[in-house]
Amino acid sequence: MIGIALLALIAYRQWQGPEPSYSPHNLPATTELAVRRVVDGDTILFEPDMRVRLIGVNAPESVKPESPVEPFGPEASQFTKQFVSGGVARLEYDRERFDQYGRPLAYVWVGDRMLNEELLRAGLARWERNYNYSGEKKQRFRAAEEEARDARRGIWSSATAP
C-alpha cells in the first residue's frame, strides 16, 4: 500500500514538472526577470509571481491598505515604473534575502543603473541602514540620499522635510 502511494507521488511530481526556478532561495546572486508590474516605489512584482522589495531603501507609501498616500508616494511609484519600463530587470541579492514579511530583498538593475540608488538620488526614498547588506552599497546609498537632501529634491524639498 505504501509502495503504491509512493509511486503515485513520484508520478504526480513528474507530471507536475520541476519546481519553479524563480524562488529567491535557489536563484544565483544575480538573475534577470521580466517585470509584471510595479506595486509602489520600492516593491515590484516579477514574472511569474515574485514580489520583490528593494533592499536598503524605503519609498513613501502610495498603495498601503488603510494608510493615506504619503507625499511623493505616487512620484516614487511613477519613477520606478519608468525605470523598469523596458520590461526586464536584473536582480542582485545580498546577505539578507528576505524582509520581515518574507518578501525577497534585492538591488534592481537596468543596464548599469541601480533603481535603489536612483530613487535615493531623486529624493523619492530614504536610505535604510538596518538591513544586513553590503557596506559598499550602504555608502553609495548614504551618498545618494545626501545628494538629494543637499539639492532639496523630492521628499527633501519641503521646509518640514525630516
N, C-alpha and C. Protein backbone atom coordinates (compact mmCIF):
# COMPACT_ATOMS: atom_id res chain seq x y z
N MET A 1 0.82 -1.19 0.00
CA MET A 1 0.00 0.00 0.00
C MET A 1 0.87 1.26 0.00
N ILE A 2 1.89 1.29 0.87
CA ILE A 2 2.78 2.45 0.93
C ILE A 2 3.54 2.60 -0.38
N GLY A 3 3.93 1.46 -0.97
CA GLY A 3 4.64 1.49 -2.23
C GLY A 3 3.81 2.12 -3.34
N ILE A 4 2.52 1.82 -3.37
CA ILE A 4 1.63 2.39 -4.38
C ILE A 4 1.49 3.89 -4.17
N ALA A 5 1.35 4.30 -2.91
CA ALA A 5 1.24 5.74 -2.61
C ALA A 5 2.52 6.46 -3.01
N LEU A 6 3.66 5.86 -2.75
CA LEU A 6 4.94 6.47 -3.11
C LEU A 6 5.08 6.59 -4.63
N LEU A 7 4.69 5.53 -5.35
CA LEU A 7 4.74 5.59 -6.81
C LEU A 7 3.79 6.66 -7.36
N ALA A 8 2.62 6.78 -6.74
CA ALA A 8 1.66 7.81 -7.17
C ALA A 8 2.24 9.20 -6.95
N LEU A 9 2.90 9.41 -5.81
CA LEU A 9 3.51 10.71 -5.52
C LEU A 9 4.62 11.02 -6.52
N ILE A 10 5.45 10.06 -6.81
CA ILE A 10 6.53 10.26 -7.79
C ILE A 10 5.95 10.59 -9.16
N ALA A 11 4.92 9.84 -9.57
CA ALA A 11 4.29 10.10 -10.87
C ALA A 11 3.68 11.49 -10.91
N TYR A 12 3.05 11.91 -9.81
CA TYR A 12 2.45 13.25 -9.75
C TYR A 12 3.53 14.32 -9.88
N ARG A 13 4.64 14.15 -9.17
CA ARG A 13 5.73 15.14 -9.23
C ARG A 13 6.30 15.21 -10.64
N GLN A 14 6.45 14.07 -11.30
CA GLN A 14 6.96 14.06 -12.67
C GLN A 14 5.99 14.78 -13.61
N TRP A 15 4.70 14.52 -13.43
CA TRP A 15 3.68 15.15 -14.27
C TRP A 15 3.63 16.65 -14.01
N GLN A 16 3.81 17.04 -12.74
CA GLN A 16 3.74 18.45 -12.34
C GLN A 16 4.93 19.23 -12.90
N GLY A 17 6.03 18.58 -13.15
CA GLY A 17 7.22 19.26 -13.67
C GLY A 17 8.14 19.69 -12.54
N PRO A 18 9.28 20.26 -12.90
CA PRO A 18 10.25 20.67 -11.88
C PRO A 18 9.73 21.85 -11.07
N GLU A 19 10.29 22.01 -9.88
CA GLU A 19 9.94 23.17 -9.05
C GLU A 19 10.33 24.44 -9.78
N PRO A 20 9.56 25.52 -9.60
CA PRO A 20 9.91 26.77 -10.27
C PRO A 20 11.32 27.21 -9.90
N SER A 21 12.01 27.77 -10.87
CA SER A 21 13.40 28.17 -10.62
C SER A 21 13.51 29.64 -10.25
N TYR A 22 12.41 30.31 -9.95
CA TYR A 22 12.44 31.73 -9.69
C TYR A 22 12.39 32.08 -8.21
N SER A 23 12.42 31.10 -7.34
CA SER A 23 12.40 31.39 -5.92
C SER A 23 13.74 31.99 -5.50
N PRO A 24 13.73 33.04 -4.68
CA PRO A 24 14.99 33.64 -4.24
C PRO A 24 15.85 32.65 -3.46
N HIS A 25 15.24 31.57 -2.96
CA HIS A 25 16.02 30.57 -2.24
C HIS A 25 17.02 29.89 -3.16
N ASN A 26 16.64 29.71 -4.42
CA ASN A 26 17.51 28.94 -5.30
C ASN A 26 18.02 29.72 -6.51
N LEU A 27 17.90 31.04 -6.48
CA LEU A 27 18.43 31.84 -7.58
C LEU A 27 19.90 32.16 -7.34
N PRO A 28 20.66 32.30 -8.40
CA PRO A 28 22.03 32.74 -8.23
C PRO A 28 22.08 34.18 -7.70
N ALA A 29 23.27 34.67 -7.40
CA ALA A 29 23.42 36.01 -6.82
C ALA A 29 22.80 37.09 -7.69
N THR A 30 22.77 36.91 -9.00
CA THR A 30 22.09 37.85 -9.89
C THR A 30 21.23 37.06 -10.87
N THR A 31 20.08 37.63 -11.22
CA THR A 31 19.12 36.98 -12.11
C THR A 31 18.37 38.04 -12.89
N GLU A 32 18.10 37.79 -14.17
CA GLU A 32 17.24 38.68 -14.95
C GLU A 32 15.84 38.12 -14.98
N LEU A 33 14.87 38.98 -14.68
CA LEU A 33 13.47 38.56 -14.69
C LEU A 33 12.62 39.61 -15.40
N ALA A 34 11.49 39.16 -15.92
CA ALA A 34 10.53 40.07 -16.56
C ALA A 34 9.71 40.76 -15.49
N VAL A 35 9.49 42.05 -15.68
CA VAL A 35 8.66 42.83 -14.77
C VAL A 35 7.20 42.58 -15.09
N ARG A 36 6.44 42.20 -14.09
CA ARG A 36 5.00 42.00 -14.27
C ARG A 36 4.28 43.32 -14.03
N ARG A 37 4.57 43.97 -12.87
CA ARG A 37 4.01 45.30 -12.60
C ARG A 37 4.73 45.91 -11.40
N VAL A 38 4.65 47.22 -11.34
CA VAL A 38 5.20 47.96 -10.20
C VAL A 38 4.08 48.10 -9.18
N VAL A 39 4.36 47.68 -7.94
CA VAL A 39 3.38 47.78 -6.86
C VAL A 39 3.40 49.19 -6.29
N ASP A 40 4.60 49.65 -5.95
CA ASP A 40 4.80 51.03 -5.49
C ASP A 40 6.28 51.36 -5.70
N GLY A 41 6.74 52.44 -5.12
CA GLY A 41 8.10 52.89 -5.39
C GLY A 41 9.19 51.90 -5.05
N ASP A 42 8.99 51.09 -3.99
CA ASP A 42 10.05 50.18 -3.57
C ASP A 42 9.65 48.71 -3.63
N THR A 43 8.59 48.39 -4.36
CA THR A 43 8.15 47.00 -4.49
C THR A 43 7.72 46.73 -5.92
N ILE A 44 8.25 45.63 -6.48
CA ILE A 44 7.96 45.26 -7.87
C ILE A 44 7.55 43.80 -7.91
N LEU A 45 6.56 43.49 -8.74
CA LEU A 45 6.14 42.12 -8.97
C LEU A 45 6.80 41.65 -10.27
N PHE A 46 7.57 40.56 -10.17
CA PHE A 46 8.25 39.99 -11.33
C PHE A 46 7.55 38.71 -11.75
N GLU A 47 7.71 38.36 -13.03
CA GLU A 47 7.14 37.11 -13.55
C GLU A 47 7.92 35.94 -12.97
N PRO A 48 7.25 34.84 -12.70
CA PRO A 48 5.83 34.64 -12.89
C PRO A 48 5.00 35.21 -11.73
N ASP A 49 5.52 35.24 -10.52
CA ASP A 49 4.74 35.78 -9.41
C ASP A 49 5.63 35.99 -8.19
N MET A 50 6.64 36.84 -8.31
CA MET A 50 7.58 37.07 -7.22
C MET A 50 7.59 38.56 -6.87
N ARG A 51 7.09 38.88 -5.69
CA ARG A 51 7.05 40.27 -5.20
C ARG A 51 8.39 40.57 -4.54
N VAL A 52 9.11 41.57 -5.07
CA VAL A 52 10.45 41.91 -4.60
C VAL A 52 10.45 43.29 -3.98
N ARG A 53 11.08 43.40 -2.84
CA ARG A 53 11.24 44.67 -2.13
C ARG A 53 12.67 45.14 -2.36
N LEU A 54 12.84 46.42 -2.66
CA LEU A 54 14.17 46.96 -2.86
C LEU A 54 14.91 46.99 -1.52
N ILE A 55 16.09 46.44 -1.49
CA ILE A 55 16.87 46.43 -0.25
C ILE A 55 17.51 47.80 -0.04
N GLY A 56 17.50 48.25 1.21
CA GLY A 56 18.22 49.46 1.58
C GLY A 56 17.51 50.77 1.36
N VAL A 57 16.27 50.73 0.84
CA VAL A 57 15.54 51.98 0.62
C VAL A 57 14.10 51.83 1.10
N ASN A 58 13.50 52.96 1.44
CA ASN A 58 12.09 52.99 1.84
C ASN A 58 11.43 54.18 1.16
N ALA A 59 10.58 53.88 0.18
CA ALA A 59 9.86 54.93 -0.54
C ALA A 59 8.57 55.26 0.19
N PRO A 60 8.06 56.48 0.03
CA PRO A 60 6.78 56.84 0.65
C PRO A 60 5.66 55.92 0.15
N GLU A 61 4.72 55.64 1.04
CA GLU A 61 3.61 54.74 0.71
C GLU A 61 2.66 55.38 -0.30
N SER A 62 2.17 54.53 -1.21
CA SER A 62 1.17 55.01 -2.16
C SER A 62 0.00 54.04 -2.31
N VAL A 63 0.16 52.80 -1.85
CA VAL A 63 -0.91 51.82 -2.01
C VAL A 63 -1.14 50.97 -0.75
N LYS A 64 -0.54 51.31 0.36
CA LYS A 64 -0.67 50.50 1.57
C LYS A 64 -2.11 50.56 2.06
N PRO A 65 -2.73 49.37 2.25
CA PRO A 65 -4.14 49.35 2.68
C PRO A 65 -4.33 50.10 4.01
N GLU A 66 -5.41 50.83 4.07
CA GLU A 66 -5.81 51.57 5.27
C GLU A 66 -4.76 52.57 5.73
N SER A 67 -3.97 53.05 4.81
CA SER A 67 -2.98 54.10 5.09
C SER A 67 -3.13 55.20 4.06
N PRO A 68 -2.93 56.44 4.48
CA PRO A 68 -3.02 57.52 3.49
C PRO A 68 -1.85 57.48 2.51
N VAL A 69 -2.08 58.03 1.35
CA VAL A 69 -0.99 58.17 0.39
C VAL A 69 -0.05 59.23 0.94
N GLU A 70 1.24 58.87 1.04
CA GLU A 70 2.22 59.80 1.61
C GLU A 70 2.75 60.73 0.53
N PRO A 71 3.20 61.93 0.95
CA PRO A 71 3.78 62.85 -0.03
C PRO A 71 4.93 62.17 -0.79
N PHE A 72 4.92 62.33 -2.08
CA PHE A 72 5.89 61.79 -3.02
C PHE A 72 5.77 60.28 -3.22
N GLY A 73 4.75 59.65 -2.64
CA GLY A 73 4.49 58.23 -2.90
C GLY A 73 4.14 57.97 -4.35
N PRO A 74 3.18 58.71 -4.93
CA PRO A 74 2.87 58.50 -6.35
C PRO A 74 4.06 58.79 -7.27
N GLU A 75 4.85 59.80 -6.92
CA GLU A 75 6.03 60.13 -7.73
C GLU A 75 7.06 59.00 -7.68
N ALA A 76 7.24 58.41 -6.50
CA ALA A 76 8.17 57.28 -6.37
C ALA A 76 7.70 56.09 -7.20
N SER A 77 6.39 55.82 -7.17
CA SER A 77 5.84 54.73 -7.98
C SER A 77 6.05 54.99 -9.46
N GLN A 78 5.78 56.21 -9.89
CA GLN A 78 5.95 56.57 -11.30
C GLN A 78 7.42 56.47 -11.72
N PHE A 79 8.32 56.91 -10.86
CA PHE A 79 9.76 56.82 -11.14
C PHE A 79 10.15 55.36 -11.37
N THR A 80 9.68 54.47 -10.47
CA THR A 80 10.00 53.05 -10.60
C THR A 80 9.42 52.47 -11.87
N LYS A 81 8.18 52.84 -12.21
CA LYS A 81 7.56 52.35 -13.45
C LYS A 81 8.39 52.76 -14.66
N GLN A 82 8.82 54.01 -14.69
CA GLN A 82 9.63 54.47 -15.82
C GLN A 82 10.98 53.77 -15.85
N PHE A 83 11.57 53.55 -14.68
CA PHE A 83 12.89 52.93 -14.61
C PHE A 83 12.88 51.51 -15.18
N VAL A 84 11.81 50.75 -14.91
CA VAL A 84 11.74 49.36 -15.37
C VAL A 84 10.85 49.21 -16.60
N SER A 85 10.59 50.29 -17.29
CA SER A 85 9.64 50.28 -18.42
C SER A 85 10.10 49.38 -19.57
N GLY A 86 11.36 49.02 -19.61
CA GLY A 86 11.84 48.11 -20.65
C GLY A 86 11.32 46.69 -20.47
N GLY A 87 10.78 46.40 -19.29
CA GLY A 87 10.15 45.11 -19.06
C GLY A 87 11.02 44.03 -18.45
N VAL A 88 12.33 44.26 -18.36
CA VAL A 88 13.23 43.28 -17.78
C VAL A 88 14.20 44.01 -16.87
N ALA A 89 14.50 43.39 -15.73
CA ALA A 89 15.47 43.96 -14.80
C ALA A 89 16.33 42.84 -14.25
N ARG A 90 17.51 43.20 -13.82
CA ARG A 90 18.43 42.25 -13.21
C ARG A 90 18.34 42.40 -11.69
N LEU A 91 18.11 41.32 -11.01
CA LEU A 91 18.05 41.33 -9.55
C LEU A 91 19.39 40.85 -9.00
N GLU A 92 19.87 41.57 -8.02
CA GLU A 92 21.10 41.18 -7.33
C GLU A 92 20.76 41.06 -5.85
N TYR A 93 21.06 39.90 -5.30
CA TYR A 93 20.77 39.66 -3.89
C TYR A 93 22.01 39.90 -3.05
N ASP A 94 21.78 40.07 -1.76
CA ASP A 94 22.88 40.30 -0.82
C ASP A 94 22.73 39.29 0.32
N ARG A 95 23.40 39.55 1.43
CA ARG A 95 23.38 38.61 2.55
C ARG A 95 21.97 38.34 3.07
N GLU A 96 21.19 39.38 3.24
CA GLU A 96 19.82 39.24 3.74
C GLU A 96 18.90 39.17 2.53
N ARG A 97 18.30 38.01 2.30
CA ARG A 97 17.49 37.82 1.09
C ARG A 97 16.01 38.10 1.29
N PHE A 98 15.53 38.21 2.55
CA PHE A 98 14.10 38.40 2.79
C PHE A 98 13.88 39.45 3.87
N ASP A 99 12.78 40.20 3.74
CA ASP A 99 12.43 41.16 4.78
C ASP A 99 11.56 40.47 5.83
N GLN A 100 11.09 41.24 6.79
CA GLN A 100 10.31 40.69 7.89
C GLN A 100 8.98 40.09 7.45
N TYR A 101 8.52 40.43 6.24
CA TYR A 101 7.26 39.90 5.73
C TYR A 101 7.47 38.75 4.75
N GLY A 102 8.71 38.30 4.60
CA GLY A 102 9.01 37.20 3.70
C GLY A 102 9.21 37.57 2.25
N ARG A 103 9.23 38.89 1.96
CA ARG A 103 9.45 39.32 0.57
C ARG A 103 10.94 39.27 0.26
N PRO A 104 11.29 38.82 -0.94
CA PRO A 104 12.70 38.86 -1.34
C PRO A 104 13.21 40.30 -1.37
N LEU A 105 14.43 40.49 -0.94
CA LEU A 105 15.11 41.79 -0.98
C LEU A 105 16.16 41.76 -2.08
N ALA A 106 16.20 42.81 -2.90
CA ALA A 106 17.16 42.80 -4.00
C ALA A 106 17.53 44.22 -4.41
N TYR A 107 18.69 44.32 -5.06
CA TYR A 107 19.05 45.52 -5.81
C TYR A 107 18.47 45.27 -7.19
N VAL A 108 17.84 46.25 -7.78
CA VAL A 108 17.23 46.10 -9.10
C VAL A 108 18.00 46.96 -10.09
N TRP A 109 18.56 46.31 -11.09
CA TRP A 109 19.40 46.96 -12.09
C TRP A 109 18.73 46.95 -13.45
N VAL A 110 18.85 48.05 -14.16
CA VAL A 110 18.52 48.13 -15.58
C VAL A 110 19.77 48.71 -16.23
N GLY A 111 20.40 47.88 -17.05
CA GLY A 111 21.70 48.29 -17.60
C GLY A 111 22.68 48.45 -16.46
N ASP A 112 23.37 49.58 -16.44
CA ASP A 112 24.37 49.82 -15.38
C ASP A 112 23.84 50.74 -14.29
N ARG A 113 22.52 50.95 -14.26
CA ARG A 113 21.91 51.82 -13.24
C ARG A 113 21.11 50.99 -12.24
N MET A 114 21.27 51.31 -10.95
CA MET A 114 20.58 50.61 -9.89
C MET A 114 19.38 51.44 -9.41
N LEU A 115 18.19 50.86 -9.49
CA LEU A 115 16.97 51.56 -9.09
C LEU A 115 17.04 52.02 -7.64
N ASN A 116 17.51 51.19 -6.74
CA ASN A 116 17.58 51.54 -5.32
C ASN A 116 18.31 52.88 -5.15
N GLU A 117 19.46 52.99 -5.77
CA GLU A 117 20.30 54.19 -5.66
C GLU A 117 19.66 55.39 -6.36
N GLU A 118 19.06 55.16 -7.52
CA GLU A 118 18.47 56.26 -8.29
C GLU A 118 17.24 56.84 -7.58
N LEU A 119 16.46 56.00 -6.90
CA LEU A 119 15.33 56.51 -6.10
C LEU A 119 15.84 57.46 -5.02
N LEU A 120 16.91 57.08 -4.37
CA LEU A 120 17.50 57.94 -3.33
C LEU A 120 18.01 59.24 -3.92
N ARG A 121 18.71 59.14 -5.03
CA ARG A 121 19.29 60.33 -5.68
C ARG A 121 18.19 61.30 -6.12
N ALA A 122 17.03 60.76 -6.51
CA ALA A 122 15.91 61.60 -6.94
C ALA A 122 15.13 62.17 -5.76
N GLY A 123 15.49 61.74 -4.55
CA GLY A 123 14.77 62.22 -3.36
C GLY A 123 13.42 61.56 -3.19
N LEU A 124 13.27 60.35 -3.71
CA LEU A 124 11.98 59.66 -3.66
C LEU A 124 12.00 58.45 -2.73
N ALA A 125 13.01 58.37 -1.88
CA ALA A 125 13.10 57.30 -0.88
C ALA A 125 14.12 57.73 0.17
N ARG A 126 14.06 57.03 1.29
CA ARG A 126 15.04 57.23 2.36
C ARG A 126 15.94 56.02 2.43
N TRP A 127 17.17 56.25 2.82
CA TRP A 127 18.15 55.19 2.98
C TRP A 127 17.84 54.38 4.24
N GLU A 128 17.79 53.06 4.12
CA GLU A 128 17.56 52.16 5.25
C GLU A 128 18.90 51.57 5.69
N ARG A 129 19.29 51.88 6.88
CA ARG A 129 20.59 51.43 7.40
C ARG A 129 20.54 50.05 8.03
N ASN A 130 19.38 49.59 8.45
CA ASN A 130 19.28 48.44 9.35
C ASN A 130 19.30 47.07 8.68
N TYR A 131 19.15 46.98 7.38
CA TYR A 131 19.23 45.67 6.74
C TYR A 131 20.69 45.22 6.70
N ASN A 132 20.88 43.92 6.68
CA ASN A 132 22.21 43.34 6.63
C ASN A 132 22.63 43.20 5.16
N TYR A 133 23.20 44.27 4.63
CA TYR A 133 23.65 44.25 3.25
C TYR A 133 25.00 44.94 3.14
N SER A 134 25.56 44.87 1.97
CA SER A 134 26.91 45.34 1.66
C SER A 134 27.24 46.73 2.21
N GLY A 135 28.38 46.84 2.86
CA GLY A 135 28.85 48.14 3.33
C GLY A 135 29.10 49.10 2.18
N GLU A 136 29.57 48.58 1.06
CA GLU A 136 29.82 49.42 -0.12
C GLU A 136 28.51 50.01 -0.63
N LYS A 137 27.43 49.20 -0.65
CA LYS A 137 26.13 49.70 -1.09
C LYS A 137 25.59 50.72 -0.08
N LYS A 138 25.80 50.48 1.20
CA LYS A 138 25.34 51.44 2.22
C LYS A 138 26.01 52.79 2.01
N GLN A 139 27.29 52.80 1.68
CA GLN A 139 28.00 54.06 1.41
C GLN A 139 27.40 54.75 0.19
N ARG A 140 27.14 53.98 -0.87
CA ARG A 140 26.54 54.55 -2.08
C ARG A 140 25.17 55.14 -1.78
N PHE A 141 24.37 54.42 -1.00
CA PHE A 141 23.03 54.88 -0.68
C PHE A 141 23.06 56.13 0.18
N ARG A 142 23.94 56.15 1.16
CA ARG A 142 24.07 57.34 2.02
C ARG A 142 24.46 58.55 1.19
N ALA A 143 25.41 58.38 0.29
CA ALA A 143 25.86 59.49 -0.57
C ALA A 143 24.73 59.96 -1.49
N ALA A 144 23.96 59.02 -2.05
CA ALA A 144 22.85 59.40 -2.94
C ALA A 144 21.78 60.17 -2.16
N GLU A 145 21.48 59.74 -0.93
CA GLU A 145 20.50 60.46 -0.13
C GLU A 145 21.01 61.85 0.25
N GLU A 146 22.27 61.95 0.61
CA GLU A 146 22.85 63.26 0.94
C GLU A 146 22.80 64.19 -0.26
N GLU A 147 23.07 63.65 -1.44
CA GLU A 147 23.00 64.47 -2.66
C GLU A 147 21.59 65.02 -2.85
N ALA A 148 20.57 64.18 -2.68
CA ALA A 148 19.17 64.62 -2.83
C ALA A 148 18.80 65.63 -1.75
N ARG A 149 19.25 65.38 -0.54
CA ARG A 149 18.93 66.29 0.57
C ARG A 149 19.59 67.66 0.34
N ASP A 150 20.87 67.65 -0.06
CA ASP A 150 21.57 68.91 -0.32
C ASP A 150 20.93 69.70 -1.46
N ALA A 151 20.41 68.98 -2.47
CA ALA A 151 19.77 69.63 -3.62
C ALA A 151 18.29 69.89 -3.36
N ARG A 152 17.78 69.45 -2.21
CA ARG A 152 16.38 69.62 -1.80
C ARG A 152 15.42 69.03 -2.85
N ARG A 153 15.72 67.79 -3.26
CA ARG A 153 14.88 67.07 -4.22
C ARG A 153 13.84 66.23 -3.50
N GLY A 154 12.68 66.08 -4.13
CA GLY A 154 11.65 65.15 -3.66
C GLY A 154 11.26 65.37 -2.21
N ILE A 155 11.37 64.32 -1.40
CA ILE A 155 10.94 64.40 -0.01
C ILE A 155 11.75 65.42 0.79
N TRP A 156 12.88 65.83 0.28
CA TRP A 156 13.73 66.80 0.97
C TRP A 156 13.44 68.24 0.51
N SER A 157 12.44 68.42 -0.35
CA SER A 157 12.17 69.73 -0.92
C SER A 157 11.40 70.66 0.00
N SER A 158 10.67 70.11 0.95
CA SER A 158 9.84 70.95 1.80
C SER A 158 10.62 71.46 3.00
N ALA A 159 10.18 72.58 3.53
CA ALA A 159 10.83 73.16 4.70
C ALA A 159 10.68 72.26 5.92
N THR A 160 9.70 71.36 5.90
CA THR A 160 9.47 70.47 7.03
C THR A 160 10.02 69.08 6.78
N ALA A 161 10.85 68.92 5.76
CA ALA A 161 11.42 67.60 5.45
C ALA A 161 12.19 67.07 6.65
N PRO A 162 12.12 65.77 6.86
CA PRO A 162 12.80 65.19 8.01
C PRO A 162 14.30 65.36 7.98
